[in-house]
C-alpha atoms as a PDB file:
ATOM      1  CA  UNK A   1      -2.210  -7.358   9.265  1.00  0.00           C
ATOM      2  CA  UNK A   2      -0.548  -5.491   6.434  1.00  0.00           C
ATOM      3  CA  UNK A   3       0.618  -6.574   2.997  1.00  0.00           C
ATOM      4  CA  UNK A   4       3.446  -4.895   1.120  1.00  0.00           C
ATOM      5  CA  UNK A   5       5.089  -5.169  -2.227  1.00  0.00           C
ATOM      6  CA  UNK A   6       8.200  -7.336  -2.261  1.00  0.00           C
ATOM      7  CA  UNK A   7      11.659  -5.942  -1.547  1.00  0.00           C
ATOM      8  CA  UNK A   8      13.513  -7.672  -4.359  1.00  0.00           C
ATOM      9  CA  UNK A   9      16.383  -6.440  -6.543  1.00  0.00           C
ATOM     10  CA  UNK A  10      14.185  -4.059  -8.574  1.00  0.00           C
ATOM     11  CA  UNK A  11      14.075  -1.660  -5.618  1.00  0.00           C
ATOM     12  CA  UNK A  12      16.879   0.581  -4.389  1.00  0.00           C
ATOM     13  CA  UNK A  13      18.169   0.301  -0.802  1.00  0.00           C
ATOM     14  CA  UNK A  14      16.355   3.454   0.346  1.00  0.00           C
ATOM     15  CA  UNK A  15      13.027   2.122  -0.962  1.00  0.00           C
ATOM     16  CA  UNK A  16      13.627  -1.265   0.651  1.00  0.00           C
ATOM     17  CA  UNK A  17      14.260   0.369   4.029  1.00  0.00           C
ATOM     18  CA  UNK A  18      11.022   2.376   3.773  1.00  0.00           C
ATOM     19  CA  UNK A  19       8.965  -0.608   2.658  1.00  0.00           C
ATOM     20  CA  UNK A  20      10.260  -2.809   5.489  1.00  0.00           C
ATOM     21  CA  UNK A  21       9.305  -0.240   8.151  1.00  0.00           C
ATOM     22  CA  UNK A  22       5.591  -0.881   7.575  1.00  0.00           C
ATOM     23  CA  UNK A  23       5.465  -4.633   8.347  1.00  0.00           C
ATOM     24  CA  UNK A  24       7.956  -4.091  11.166  1.00  0.00           C
ATOM     25  CA  UNK A  25       5.491  -1.638  12.761  1.00  0.00           C
ATOM     26  CA  UNK A  26       2.522  -3.996  12.340  1.00  0.00           C
ATOM     27  CA  UNK A  27       1.588  -6.945  14.481  1.00  0.00           C
ATOM     28  CA  UNK A  28       1.656  -9.166  11.397  1.00  0.00           C
ATOM     29  CA  UNK A  29       2.741  -8.603   7.809  1.00  0.00           C
ATOM     30  CA  UNK A  30       3.217 -10.405   4.509  1.00  0.00           C
ATOM     31  CA  UNK A  31       4.803  -9.437   1.199  1.00  0.00           C
ATOM     32  CA  UNK A  32       3.416  -9.838  -2.276  1.00  0.00           C
ATOM     33  CA  UNK A  33       2.463  -7.183  -4.751  1.00  0.00           C
ATOM     34  CA  UNK A  34      -0.495  -6.588  -6.955  1.00  0.00           C
ATOM     35  CA  UNK A  35      -4.225  -6.465  -7.070  1.00  0.00           C
ATOM     36  CA  UNK A  36      -5.143  -9.014  -4.407  1.00  0.00           C
ATOM     37  CA  UNK A  37      -3.653  -7.245  -1.382  1.00  0.00           C
ATOM     38  CA  UNK A  38      -5.729  -4.121  -2.060  1.00  0.00           C
ATOM     39  CA  UNK A  39      -8.877  -6.236  -2.425  1.00  0.00           C
ATOM     40  CA  UNK A  40      -8.144  -7.683   1.023  1.00  0.00           C
ATOM     41  CA  UNK A  41      -8.167  -4.103   2.366  1.00  0.00           C
ATOM     42  CA  UNK A  42     -11.448  -3.407   0.558  1.00  0.00           C
ATOM     43  CA  UNK A  43     -13.128  -6.447   2.100  1.00  0.00           C
ATOM     44  CA  UNK A  44     -11.771  -5.648   5.560  1.00  0.00           C
ATOM     45  CA  UNK A  45      -9.524  -8.714   5.851  1.00  0.00           C
ATOM     46  CA  UNK A  46      -6.329  -6.648   6.308  1.00  0.00           C
ATOM     47  CA  UNK A  47      -5.723  -3.073   7.435  1.00  0.00           C
ATOM     48  CA  UNK A  48      -3.139  -1.898   4.874  1.00  0.00           C
ATOM     49  CA  UNK A  49      -1.543  -2.760   1.541  1.00  0.00           C
ATOM     50  CA  UNK A  50       1.417  -1.214  -0.279  1.00  0.00           C
ATOM     51  CA  UNK A  51       2.582  -1.316  -3.890  1.00  0.00           C
ATOM     52  CA  UNK A  52       5.868   0.521  -4.411  1.00  0.00           C
ATOM     53  CA  UNK A  53       6.466   0.213  -8.166  1.00  0.00           C
ATOM     54  CA  UNK A  54       3.454  -0.371 -10.392  1.00  0.00           C
ATOM     55  CA  UNK A  55       2.102   0.942 -13.666  1.00  0.00           C
ATOM     56  CA  UNK A  56      -0.954   3.254 -13.783  1.00  0.00           C
ATOM     57  CA  UNK A  57      -3.035   0.614 -15.568  1.00  0.00           C
ATOM     58  CA  UNK A  58      -2.363  -1.792 -12.708  1.00  0.00           C
ATOM     59  CA  UNK A  59      -3.367   0.757 -10.050  1.00  0.00           C
ATOM     60  CA  UNK A  60      -6.341   2.434 -11.793  1.00  0.00           C
ATOM     61  CA  UNK A  61      -9.192   0.291 -10.398  1.00  0.00           C
ATOM     62  CA  UNK A  62      -7.680  -0.368  -6.982  1.00  0.00           C
ATOM     63  CA  UNK A  63      -8.068   3.037  -5.332  1.00  0.00           C
ATOM     64  CA  UNK A  64     -11.646   3.342  -6.520  1.00  0.00           C
ATOM     65  CA  UNK A  65     -12.592  -0.078  -5.170  1.00  0.00           C
ATOM     66  CA  UNK A  66     -10.919   0.533  -1.802  1.00  0.00           C
ATOM     67  CA  UNK A  67     -12.532   3.969  -1.441  1.00  0.00           C
ATOM     68  CA  UNK A  68     -15.982   2.659  -2.376  1.00  0.00           C
ATOM     69  CA  UNK A  69     -15.558   0.073   0.390  1.00  0.00           C
ATOM     70  CA  UNK A  70     -14.824   2.846   2.907  1.00  0.00           C
ATOM     71  CA  UNK A  71     -11.022   2.803   2.855  1.00  0.00           C
ATOM     72  CA  UNK A  72      -8.451   5.258   1.573  1.00  0.00           C
ATOM     73  CA  UNK A  73      -5.838   5.003  -1.210  1.00  0.00           C
ATOM     74  CA  UNK A  74      -3.021   7.441  -2.007  1.00  0.00           C
ATOM     75  CA  UNK A  75       0.638   7.406  -2.925  1.00  0.00           C
ATOM     76  CA  UNK A  76       3.269   7.595  -0.169  1.00  0.00           C
ATOM     77  CA  UNK A  77       3.075  11.422  -0.201  1.00  0.00           C
ATOM     78  CA  UNK A  78      -0.671  11.291   0.480  1.00  0.00           C
ATOM     79  CA  UNK A  79      -1.650  12.287  -3.070  1.00  0.00           C
ATOM     80  CA  UNK A  80      -4.648  10.634  -4.680  1.00  0.00           C
ATOM     81  CA  UNK A  81      -2.986   9.614  -7.959  1.00  0.00           C
ATOM     82  CA  UNK A  82      -2.043   6.489  -9.897  1.00  0.00           C
ATOM     83  CA  UNK A  83       0.820   8.140 -11.790  1.00  0.00           C
ATOM     84  CA  UNK A  84       3.661   7.930  -9.251  1.00  0.00           C
ATOM     85  CA  UNK A  85       3.859   4.120  -9.291  1.00  0.00           C
ATOM     86  CA  UNK A  86       2.957   3.774  -5.614  1.00  0.00           C
ATOM     87  CA  UNK A  87      -0.321   2.909  -3.952  1.00  0.00           C
ATOM     88  CA  UNK A  88      -1.002   2.758  -0.228  1.00  0.00           C
ATOM     89  CA  UNK A  89      -4.452   1.420   0.641  1.00  0.00           C
ATOM     90  CA  UNK A  90      -5.783   1.322   4.191  1.00  0.00           C
ATOM     91  CA  UNK A  91      -9.005   0.924   6.078  1.00  0.00           C
ATOM     92  CA  UNK A  92      -8.953   4.740   6.346  1.00  0.00           C
ATOM     93  CA  UNK A  93      -8.539   4.796  10.110  1.00  0.00           C
ATOM     94  CA  UNK A  94      -4.785   4.209  10.050  1.00  0.00           C
ATOM     95  CA  UNK A  95      -3.895   5.929   6.767  1.00  0.00           C
ATOM     96  CA  UNK A  96      -1.980   8.892   8.185  1.00  0.00           C
ATOM     97  CA  UNK A  97      -0.069   6.630  10.572  1.00  0.00           C
ATOM     98  CA  UNK A  98       0.915   4.324   7.697  1.00  0.00           C
ATOM     99  CA  UNK A  99       2.064   7.301   5.597  1.00  0.00           C
ATOM    100  CA  UNK A 100       4.236   8.564   8.486  1.00  0.00           C
ATOM    101  CA  UNK A 101       5.898   5.153   8.746  1.00  0.00           C
ATOM    102  CA  UNK A 102       6.659   5.113   5.014  1.00  0.00           C
ATOM    103  CA  UNK A 103       8.084   8.645   4.783  1.00  0.00           C
END
């Protein structure tokens, strides 16, 4: 199961197409943004979560929590940063595969 940010009017068409590829590739997916989806990755309830447009103060704790739980968090380019507005969190095992889908 994967969770992604929504694909509403705040995103451009290219971003929407990239975001939709992830749940399409998964067996099951849901869309809602924010803190909770990354906590579900940290606790092992879902395999991946994606935020496409967030502020650094919203993302700051998430990567740390996911990584301390054994997962991995980066932006879509695979960089470990909170300053690009994107955060991809996974269980760590599927991280590179998720990044390939989103590129």
